[in-house]
């Protein structure tokens, strides 16, 4: 399922050069990906953002631009799920991609501990049930996750060696 929404870029969203703040776009990305994610889950699910991977700004954005956000779930782990979100600028009856990223969320219990996400899914979602076009994204998320774990392991071992 693809989730879409549109936002208008207003003066308060711009930097001193008249362009959209990158941080504002990241805020909107996080919010729109969250909205798309919870549409796949039962209402008792509690999600928090854990990572935003492969952030790519492609085009600058000015006041008055209409931005279309398109999100789709591309990966489900034991306690997390990831959405691929693209942002398009609507211009002269065309949509130009300006931004894309993977946004990962972790599901938490009421005590803020990671919780299994599978029982909260409204529909089954696994490597075996996804379409071929989503498989590319699944593999990309797995690579990014492995890199994060490897980097985190290096940081832990470096901090221990200092004492």
N, C-alpha and C. Protein backbone atom coordinates (compact mmCIF):
# COMPACT_ATOMS: atom_id res chain seq x y z
N UNK A 1 0.84 -1.17 0.00
CA UNK A 1 0.00 0.00 0.00
C UNK A 1 0.89 1.25 0.00
N UNK A 2 0.58 2.19 -0.86
CA UNK A 2 1.31 3.46 -0.94
C UNK A 2 0.47 4.54 -0.30
N UNK A 3 1.11 5.34 0.56
CA UNK A 3 0.46 6.45 1.22
C UNK A 3 0.97 7.74 0.59
N UNK A 4 0.07 8.66 0.27
CA UNK A 4 0.45 9.93 -0.33
C UNK A 4 -0.19 11.10 0.41
N UNK A 5 0.55 12.21 0.48
CA UNK A 5 0.02 13.44 1.04
C UNK A 5 0.75 14.61 0.37
N UNK A 6 0.16 15.81 0.49
CA UNK A 6 0.73 17.01 -0.12
C UNK A 6 0.83 18.12 0.91
N UNK A 7 1.93 18.85 0.89
CA UNK A 7 2.15 19.99 1.78
C UNK A 7 2.55 21.22 0.96
N UNK A 8 2.19 22.39 1.46
CA UNK A 8 2.53 23.66 0.83
C UNK A 8 3.70 24.29 1.57
N UNK A 9 4.73 24.72 0.83
CA UNK A 9 5.88 25.39 1.42
C UNK A 9 5.53 26.87 1.61
N UNK A 10 5.55 27.30 2.88
CA UNK A 10 5.18 28.68 3.24
C UNK A 10 6.43 29.45 3.69
N UNK A 11 6.32 30.77 3.84
CA UNK A 11 7.48 31.60 4.21
C UNK A 11 8.18 31.15 5.49
N UNK A 12 7.44 30.69 6.48
CA UNK A 12 8.06 30.27 7.74
C UNK A 12 8.88 28.99 7.62
N UNK A 13 8.83 28.32 6.47
CA UNK A 13 9.58 27.09 6.24
C UNK A 13 10.93 27.36 5.57
N UNK A 14 11.23 28.64 5.25
CA UNK A 14 12.39 28.98 4.43
C UNK A 14 13.57 29.49 5.26
N UNK A 15 14.77 29.30 4.73
CA UNK A 15 15.97 29.86 5.35
C UNK A 15 16.17 31.30 4.85
N UNK A 16 17.25 31.94 5.26
CA UNK A 16 17.50 33.33 4.90
C UNK A 16 17.82 33.54 3.42
N UNK A 17 18.03 32.46 2.67
CA UNK A 17 18.25 32.55 1.22
C UNK A 17 16.96 32.31 0.43
N UNK A 18 15.88 32.02 1.15
CA UNK A 18 14.60 31.81 0.49
C UNK A 18 14.33 30.38 0.05
N UNK A 19 15.11 29.44 0.57
CA UNK A 19 14.92 28.03 0.24
C UNK A 19 14.41 27.26 1.46
N UNK A 20 13.72 26.16 1.21
CA UNK A 20 13.22 25.31 2.28
C UNK A 20 14.37 24.79 3.14
N UNK A 21 14.23 24.90 4.46
CA UNK A 21 15.20 24.32 5.37
C UNK A 21 15.23 22.80 5.18
N UNK A 22 16.43 22.23 5.10
CA UNK A 22 16.56 20.78 5.01
C UNK A 22 15.99 20.08 6.22
N UNK A 23 16.17 20.69 7.40
CA UNK A 23 15.65 20.11 8.63
C UNK A 23 14.13 20.07 8.66
N UNK A 24 13.49 21.06 8.05
CA UNK A 24 12.03 21.08 7.98
C UNK A 24 11.56 19.92 7.10
N UNK A 25 12.27 19.70 5.99
CA UNK A 25 11.91 18.59 5.10
C UNK A 25 12.09 17.26 5.82
N UNK A 26 13.15 17.14 6.63
CA UNK A 26 13.34 15.91 7.40
C UNK A 26 12.24 15.71 8.43
N UNK A 27 11.79 16.80 9.05
CA UNK A 27 10.67 16.71 10.00
C UNK A 27 9.42 16.20 9.30
N UNK A 28 9.11 16.78 8.15
CA UNK A 28 7.93 16.35 7.39
C UNK A 28 8.07 14.90 6.94
N UNK A 29 9.27 14.53 6.50
CA UNK A 29 9.53 13.15 6.07
C UNK A 29 9.22 12.18 7.20
N UNK A 30 9.74 12.48 8.38
CA UNK A 30 9.54 11.62 9.55
C UNK A 30 8.05 11.50 9.86
N UNK A 31 7.35 12.61 9.84
CA UNK A 31 5.92 12.61 10.15
C UNK A 31 5.12 11.85 9.09
N UNK A 32 5.40 12.07 7.82
CA UNK A 32 4.64 11.41 6.76
C UNK A 32 4.94 9.90 6.73
N UNK A 33 6.20 9.52 6.98
CA UNK A 33 6.53 8.09 7.05
C UNK A 33 5.82 7.43 8.23
N UNK A 34 5.75 8.13 9.36
CA UNK A 34 5.05 7.61 10.53
C UNK A 34 3.57 7.38 10.22
N UNK A 35 2.95 8.37 9.59
CA UNK A 35 1.54 8.24 9.22
C UNK A 35 1.32 7.02 8.32
N UNK A 36 2.21 6.84 7.37
CA UNK A 36 2.11 5.68 6.47
C UNK A 36 2.32 4.39 7.24
N UNK A 37 3.27 4.38 8.18
CA UNK A 37 3.57 3.16 8.94
C UNK A 37 2.39 2.72 9.79
N UNK A 38 1.77 3.67 10.51
CA UNK A 38 0.70 3.26 11.42
C UNK A 38 -0.54 2.77 10.69
N UNK A 39 -0.64 3.07 9.41
CA UNK A 39 -1.76 2.55 8.62
C UNK A 39 -1.66 1.04 8.42
N UNK A 40 -0.47 0.48 8.65
CA UNK A 40 -0.24 -0.96 8.50
C UNK A 40 -0.38 -1.71 9.82
N UNK A 41 -0.64 -0.97 10.92
CA UNK A 41 -0.60 -1.57 12.25
C UNK A 41 -1.90 -1.40 13.02
N UNK A 42 -2.08 -2.27 13.99
CA UNK A 42 -3.21 -2.14 14.90
C UNK A 42 -3.02 -0.88 15.75
N UNK A 43 -4.12 -0.34 16.25
CA UNK A 43 -4.08 0.95 16.95
C UNK A 43 -3.22 0.95 18.21
N UNK A 44 -2.99 -0.19 18.82
CA UNK A 44 -2.20 -0.20 20.05
C UNK A 44 -0.69 -0.15 19.79
N UNK A 45 -0.28 -0.13 18.54
CA UNK A 45 1.15 -0.07 18.22
C UNK A 45 1.74 1.27 18.65
N UNK A 46 2.95 1.21 19.17
CA UNK A 46 3.68 2.40 19.62
C UNK A 46 5.01 2.44 18.87
N UNK A 47 5.15 3.36 17.92
CA UNK A 47 6.35 3.44 17.10
C UNK A 47 7.17 4.68 17.43
N UNK A 48 8.49 4.54 17.35
CA UNK A 48 9.39 5.68 17.43
C UNK A 48 10.42 5.55 16.30
N UNK A 49 10.87 6.67 15.80
CA UNK A 49 11.88 6.68 14.74
C UNK A 49 13.21 6.21 15.31
N UNK A 50 13.84 5.28 14.60
CA UNK A 50 15.14 4.78 15.05
C UNK A 50 16.25 5.15 14.06
N UNK A 51 15.92 5.35 12.78
CA UNK A 51 16.95 5.68 11.80
C UNK A 51 16.33 6.29 10.54
N UNK A 52 17.09 7.17 9.93
CA UNK A 52 16.77 7.68 8.60
C UNK A 52 18.03 7.45 7.78
N UNK A 53 17.94 6.55 6.81
CA UNK A 53 19.09 6.15 5.99
C UNK A 53 19.00 6.72 4.58
N UNK A 54 20.17 6.91 3.98
CA UNK A 54 20.29 7.33 2.58
C UNK A 54 19.51 8.59 2.29
N UNK A 55 19.77 9.62 3.04
CA UNK A 55 19.14 10.91 2.82
C UNK A 55 19.77 11.54 1.58
N UNK A 56 18.96 11.86 0.61
CA UNK A 56 19.44 12.46 -0.63
C UNK A 56 18.61 13.68 -0.99
N UNK A 57 19.22 14.88 -0.89
CA UNK A 57 18.57 16.10 -1.36
C UNK A 57 18.97 16.29 -2.82
N UNK A 58 18.01 16.43 -3.71
CA UNK A 58 18.33 16.51 -5.14
C UNK A 58 18.07 17.89 -5.73
N UNK A 59 17.07 18.60 -5.24
CA UNK A 59 16.65 19.87 -5.82
C UNK A 59 16.25 20.81 -4.70
N UNK A 60 16.57 22.10 -4.84
CA UNK A 60 16.14 23.08 -3.84
C UNK A 60 14.66 23.40 -4.03
N UNK A 61 14.06 23.92 -2.97
CA UNK A 61 12.61 24.18 -2.97
C UNK A 61 12.37 25.61 -2.49
N UNK A 62 11.49 26.32 -3.17
CA UNK A 62 11.15 27.71 -2.83
C UNK A 62 9.73 27.79 -2.29
N UNK A 63 9.41 28.96 -1.76
CA UNK A 63 8.07 29.25 -1.24
C UNK A 63 7.02 29.02 -2.33
N UNK A 64 5.88 28.49 -1.89
CA UNK A 64 4.76 28.25 -2.81
C UNK A 64 4.79 26.89 -3.47
N UNK A 65 5.89 26.16 -3.31
CA UNK A 65 5.97 24.83 -3.91
C UNK A 65 5.01 23.87 -3.22
N UNK A 66 4.42 22.99 -4.01
CA UNK A 66 3.61 21.90 -3.47
C UNK A 66 4.48 20.66 -3.44
N UNK A 67 4.61 20.05 -2.26
CA UNK A 67 5.42 18.85 -2.11
C UNK A 67 4.52 17.65 -1.88
N UNK A 68 4.73 16.63 -2.69
CA UNK A 68 3.98 15.39 -2.54
C UNK A 68 4.89 14.34 -1.91
N UNK A 69 4.41 13.73 -0.83
CA UNK A 69 5.13 12.69 -0.12
C UNK A 69 4.51 11.35 -0.47
N UNK A 70 5.33 10.40 -0.88
CA UNK A 70 4.86 9.06 -1.23
C UNK A 70 5.67 8.05 -0.43
N UNK A 71 4.98 7.29 0.41
CA UNK A 71 5.65 6.32 1.29
C UNK A 71 5.10 4.92 1.08
N UNK A 72 6.00 3.94 1.18
CA UNK A 72 5.57 2.54 1.15
C UNK A 72 6.45 1.72 2.06
N UNK A 73 5.81 0.79 2.75
CA UNK A 73 6.54 -0.11 3.64
C UNK A 73 7.37 -1.05 2.78
N UNK A 74 8.66 -1.18 3.14
CA UNK A 74 9.55 -2.02 2.33
C UNK A 74 10.30 -3.07 3.15
N UNK A 75 10.16 -3.02 4.48
CA UNK A 75 10.88 -4.00 5.30
C UNK A 75 10.22 -4.12 6.66
N UNK A 76 10.16 -5.34 7.18
CA UNK A 76 9.70 -5.59 8.54
C UNK A 76 10.69 -6.53 9.19
N UNK A 77 11.21 -6.11 10.34
CA UNK A 77 12.10 -6.94 11.13
C UNK A 77 11.35 -7.50 12.32
N UNK A 78 12.09 -7.97 13.32
CA UNK A 78 11.45 -8.53 14.50
C UNK A 78 10.71 -7.45 15.29
N UNK A 79 11.37 -6.30 15.51
CA UNK A 79 10.75 -5.23 16.30
C UNK A 79 10.66 -3.92 15.52
N UNK A 80 11.01 -3.94 14.24
CA UNK A 80 11.06 -2.69 13.48
C UNK A 80 10.40 -2.84 12.11
N UNK A 81 10.12 -1.70 11.53
CA UNK A 81 9.66 -1.66 10.15
C UNK A 81 10.24 -0.42 9.47
N UNK A 82 10.40 -0.50 8.16
CA UNK A 82 11.04 0.57 7.40
C UNK A 82 10.17 0.96 6.23
N UNK A 83 10.10 2.27 6.00
CA UNK A 83 9.36 2.81 4.87
C UNK A 83 10.31 3.55 3.95
N UNK A 84 10.07 3.42 2.65
CA UNK A 84 10.80 4.19 1.65
C UNK A 84 9.90 5.36 1.31
N UNK A 85 10.42 6.57 1.50
CA UNK A 85 9.62 7.77 1.25
C UNK A 85 10.31 8.65 0.22
N UNK A 86 9.55 9.04 -0.77
CA UNK A 86 10.02 9.97 -1.79
C UNK A 86 9.22 11.27 -1.65
N UNK A 87 9.89 12.38 -1.98
CA UNK A 87 9.23 13.68 -1.97
C UNK A 87 9.37 14.26 -3.38
N UNK A 88 8.24 14.70 -3.90
CA UNK A 88 8.20 15.28 -5.24
C UNK A 88 7.73 16.73 -5.17
N UNK A 89 8.28 17.56 -6.04
CA UNK A 89 7.81 18.94 -6.18
C UNK A 89 6.92 18.97 -7.41
N UNK A 90 5.69 19.41 -7.20
CA UNK A 90 4.73 19.49 -8.31
C UNK A 90 5.01 20.77 -9.08
N UNK A 91 5.28 20.65 -10.36
CA UNK A 91 5.62 21.81 -11.18
C UNK A 91 5.13 21.60 -12.61
N UNK A 92 4.28 22.50 -13.07
CA UNK A 92 3.77 22.45 -14.45
C UNK A 92 3.23 21.07 -14.82
N UNK A 93 2.32 20.56 -14.01
CA UNK A 93 1.65 19.27 -14.24
C UNK A 93 2.61 18.08 -14.22
N UNK A 94 3.81 18.27 -13.66
CA UNK A 94 4.77 17.18 -13.53
C UNK A 94 5.24 17.09 -12.09
N UNK A 95 5.68 15.92 -11.70
CA UNK A 95 6.25 15.73 -10.38
C UNK A 95 7.74 15.45 -10.54
N UNK A 96 8.58 16.30 -9.91
CA UNK A 96 10.02 16.15 -9.95
C UNK A 96 10.48 15.66 -8.58
N UNK A 97 11.18 14.52 -8.56
CA UNK A 97 11.66 14.01 -7.29
C UNK A 97 12.74 14.93 -6.73
N UNK A 98 12.55 15.36 -5.47
CA UNK A 98 13.53 16.23 -4.85
C UNK A 98 14.25 15.57 -3.69
N UNK A 99 13.70 14.46 -3.18
CA UNK A 99 14.24 13.88 -1.96
C UNK A 99 13.76 12.45 -1.82
N UNK A 100 14.58 11.63 -1.18
CA UNK A 100 14.20 10.25 -0.86
C UNK A 100 14.99 9.77 0.34
N UNK A 101 14.39 8.87 1.10
CA UNK A 101 15.08 8.31 2.26
C UNK A 101 14.33 7.08 2.77
N UNK A 102 15.05 6.26 3.52
CA UNK A 102 14.46 5.14 4.24
C UNK A 102 14.29 5.57 5.70
N UNK A 103 13.09 5.39 6.22
CA UNK A 103 12.80 5.76 7.60
C UNK A 103 12.43 4.48 8.35
N UNK A 104 13.18 4.20 9.41
CA UNK A 104 12.93 2.98 10.20
C UNK A 104 12.37 3.35 11.56
N UNK A 105 11.39 2.56 11.97
CA UNK A 105 10.73 2.74 13.26
C UNK A 105 10.89 1.47 14.06
N UNK A 106 10.96 1.60 15.38
CA UNK A 106 10.95 0.45 16.26
C UNK A 106 9.65 0.50 17.05
N UNK A 107 9.09 -0.66 17.30
CA UNK A 107 7.86 -0.79 18.07
C UNK A 107 8.24 -0.98 19.54
N UNK A 108 7.59 -0.21 20.41
CA UNK A 108 7.91 -0.26 21.84
C UNK A 108 6.72 -0.73 22.68
N UNK A 109 7.06 -1.35 23.82
CA UNK A 109 6.04 -1.70 24.81
C UNK A 109 5.70 -0.44 25.61
N UNK A 110 4.76 -0.56 26.54
CA UNK A 110 4.43 0.57 27.41
C UNK A 110 5.59 0.94 28.33
N UNK A 111 6.53 0.02 28.50
CA UNK A 111 7.71 0.28 29.34
C UNK A 111 8.92 0.67 28.48
N UNK A 112 8.67 1.06 27.25
CA UNK A 112 9.71 1.53 26.32
C UNK A 112 10.77 0.49 25.98
N UNK A 113 10.37 -0.76 25.94
CA UNK A 113 11.26 -1.85 25.51
C UNK A 113 10.82 -2.28 24.12
N UNK A 114 11.78 -2.71 23.26
CA UNK A 114 11.39 -3.18 21.92
C UNK A 114 10.37 -4.31 21.99
N UNK A 115 9.37 -4.22 21.11
CA UNK A 115 8.28 -5.21 21.10
C UNK A 115 8.18 -5.83 19.71
N UNK A 116 7.79 -7.09 19.64
CA UNK A 116 7.59 -7.71 18.32
C UNK A 116 6.54 -6.95 17.51
N UNK A 117 6.85 -6.70 16.26
CA UNK A 117 5.94 -5.93 15.41
C UNK A 117 4.97 -6.84 14.66
N UNK A 118 5.35 -8.09 14.38
CA UNK A 118 4.51 -8.99 13.57
C UNK A 118 3.07 -9.13 14.11
N UNK A 119 2.86 -9.31 15.43
CA UNK A 119 1.48 -9.45 15.91
C UNK A 119 0.63 -8.19 15.72
N UNK A 120 1.27 -7.06 15.46
CA UNK A 120 0.55 -5.80 15.32
C UNK A 120 0.23 -5.45 13.85
N UNK A 121 0.81 -6.21 12.92
CA UNK A 121 0.56 -5.95 11.51
C UNK A 121 -0.87 -6.31 11.12
N UNK A 122 -1.48 -5.47 10.32
CA UNK A 122 -2.83 -5.76 9.83
C UNK A 122 -2.80 -6.81 8.73
N UNK A 123 -1.68 -6.88 8.00
CA UNK A 123 -1.48 -7.90 6.96
C UNK A 123 -0.06 -8.44 7.06
N UNK A 124 0.12 -9.69 6.73
CA UNK A 124 1.44 -10.30 6.75
C UNK A 124 2.38 -9.55 5.80
N UNK A 125 3.62 -9.35 6.24
CA UNK A 125 4.62 -8.68 5.42
C UNK A 125 5.96 -9.33 5.72
N UNK A 126 6.49 -10.05 4.73
CA UNK A 126 7.77 -10.73 4.90
C UNK A 126 8.46 -10.81 3.56
N UNK A 127 9.68 -11.25 3.58
CA UNK A 127 10.45 -11.41 2.34
C UNK A 127 9.72 -12.33 1.36
N UNK A 128 9.00 -13.31 1.89
CA UNK A 128 8.29 -14.25 1.04
C UNK A 128 7.01 -13.66 0.44
N UNK A 129 6.44 -12.63 1.05
CA UNK A 129 5.15 -12.10 0.59
C UNK A 129 5.25 -10.80 -0.20
N UNK A 130 6.45 -10.23 -0.33
CA UNK A 130 6.56 -8.93 -1.00
C UNK A 130 6.71 -9.07 -2.52
N UNK A 131 6.37 -8.00 -3.22
CA UNK A 131 6.52 -7.96 -4.67
C UNK A 131 8.00 -7.76 -5.02
N UNK A 132 8.35 -8.10 -6.25
CA UNK A 132 9.74 -8.01 -6.70
C UNK A 132 10.28 -6.58 -6.63
N UNK A 133 9.44 -5.59 -6.91
CA UNK A 133 9.92 -4.20 -6.88
C UNK A 133 10.24 -3.74 -5.47
N UNK A 134 9.63 -4.34 -4.47
CA UNK A 134 9.94 -3.99 -3.08
C UNK A 134 11.18 -4.75 -2.60
N UNK A 135 11.49 -5.87 -3.22
CA UNK A 135 12.66 -6.69 -2.84
C UNK A 135 13.95 -5.88 -2.90
N UNK A 136 14.08 -4.99 -3.88
CA UNK A 136 15.27 -4.14 -4.00
C UNK A 136 15.43 -3.29 -2.75
N UNK A 137 14.33 -2.72 -2.30
CA UNK A 137 14.36 -1.90 -1.09
C UNK A 137 14.67 -2.74 0.14
N UNK A 138 14.08 -3.93 0.22
CA UNK A 138 14.33 -4.84 1.35
C UNK A 138 15.83 -5.09 1.48
N UNK A 139 16.48 -5.40 0.37
CA UNK A 139 17.91 -5.68 0.38
C UNK A 139 18.71 -4.44 0.81
N UNK A 140 18.31 -3.26 0.36
CA UNK A 140 18.98 -2.02 0.72
C UNK A 140 18.86 -1.76 2.23
N UNK A 141 17.69 -2.01 2.78
CA UNK A 141 17.49 -1.83 4.22
C UNK A 141 18.36 -2.81 5.00
N UNK A 142 18.46 -4.04 4.54
CA UNK A 142 19.30 -5.04 5.21
C UNK A 142 20.77 -4.60 5.19
N UNK A 143 21.25 -4.06 4.07
CA UNK A 143 22.63 -3.58 3.99
C UNK A 143 22.86 -2.42 4.97
N UNK A 144 21.93 -1.47 5.02
CA UNK A 144 22.06 -0.32 5.92
C UNK A 144 22.04 -0.78 7.38
N UNK A 145 21.17 -1.72 7.68
CA UNK A 145 21.07 -2.23 9.06
C UNK A 145 22.37 -2.92 9.47
N UNK A 146 22.93 -3.72 8.59
CA UNK A 146 24.19 -4.41 8.88
C UNK A 146 25.31 -3.40 9.11
N UNK A 147 25.34 -2.35 8.33
CA UNK A 147 26.36 -1.31 8.49
C UNK A 147 26.20 -0.58 9.82
N UNK A 148 24.95 -0.27 10.21
CA UNK A 148 24.71 0.38 11.50
C UNK A 148 25.18 -0.50 12.65
N UNK A 149 24.87 -1.80 12.58
CA UNK A 149 25.28 -2.72 13.64
C UNK A 149 26.80 -2.85 13.70
N UNK A 150 27.44 -2.89 12.55
CA UNK A 150 28.90 -2.98 12.49
C UNK A 150 29.54 -1.72 13.08
N UNK A 151 29.02 -0.58 12.71
CA UNK A 151 29.54 0.70 13.22
C UNK A 151 29.32 0.81 14.72
N UNK A 152 28.15 0.41 15.19
CA UNK A 152 27.85 0.46 16.63
C UNK A 152 28.80 -0.47 17.39
N UNK A 153 29.09 -1.63 16.84
CA UNK A 153 30.02 -2.57 17.47
C UNK A 153 31.42 -1.99 17.58
N UNK A 154 31.87 -1.29 16.53
CA UNK A 154 33.17 -0.64 16.55
C UNK A 154 33.22 0.45 17.61
N UNK A 155 32.16 1.24 17.72
CA UNK A 155 32.14 2.32 18.70
C UNK A 155 32.19 1.77 20.11
N UNK A 156 31.46 0.67 20.37
CA UNK A 156 31.48 0.06 21.70
C UNK A 156 32.87 -0.45 22.04
N UNK A 157 33.52 -1.11 21.10
CA UNK A 157 34.84 -1.68 21.40
C UNK A 157 35.87 -0.56 21.57
N UNK A 158 35.74 0.54 20.85
CA UNK A 158 36.66 1.67 21.01
C UNK A 158 36.48 2.32 22.37
N UNK A 159 35.24 2.46 22.82
CA UNK A 159 35.01 3.11 24.11
C UNK A 159 35.53 2.23 25.26
N UNK A 160 35.46 0.91 25.11
CA UNK A 160 35.95 0.02 26.15
C UNK A 160 37.47 0.02 26.17
N UNK A 161 38.11 0.19 25.05
CA UNK A 161 39.58 0.15 25.00
C UNK A 161 40.20 1.42 25.61
N UNK A 162 39.41 2.46 25.81
CA UNK A 162 39.94 3.69 26.38
C UNK A 162 40.05 3.62 27.90
N UNK A 163 39.50 2.61 28.54
CA UNK A 163 39.49 2.54 30.00
C UNK A 163 40.39 1.47 30.51
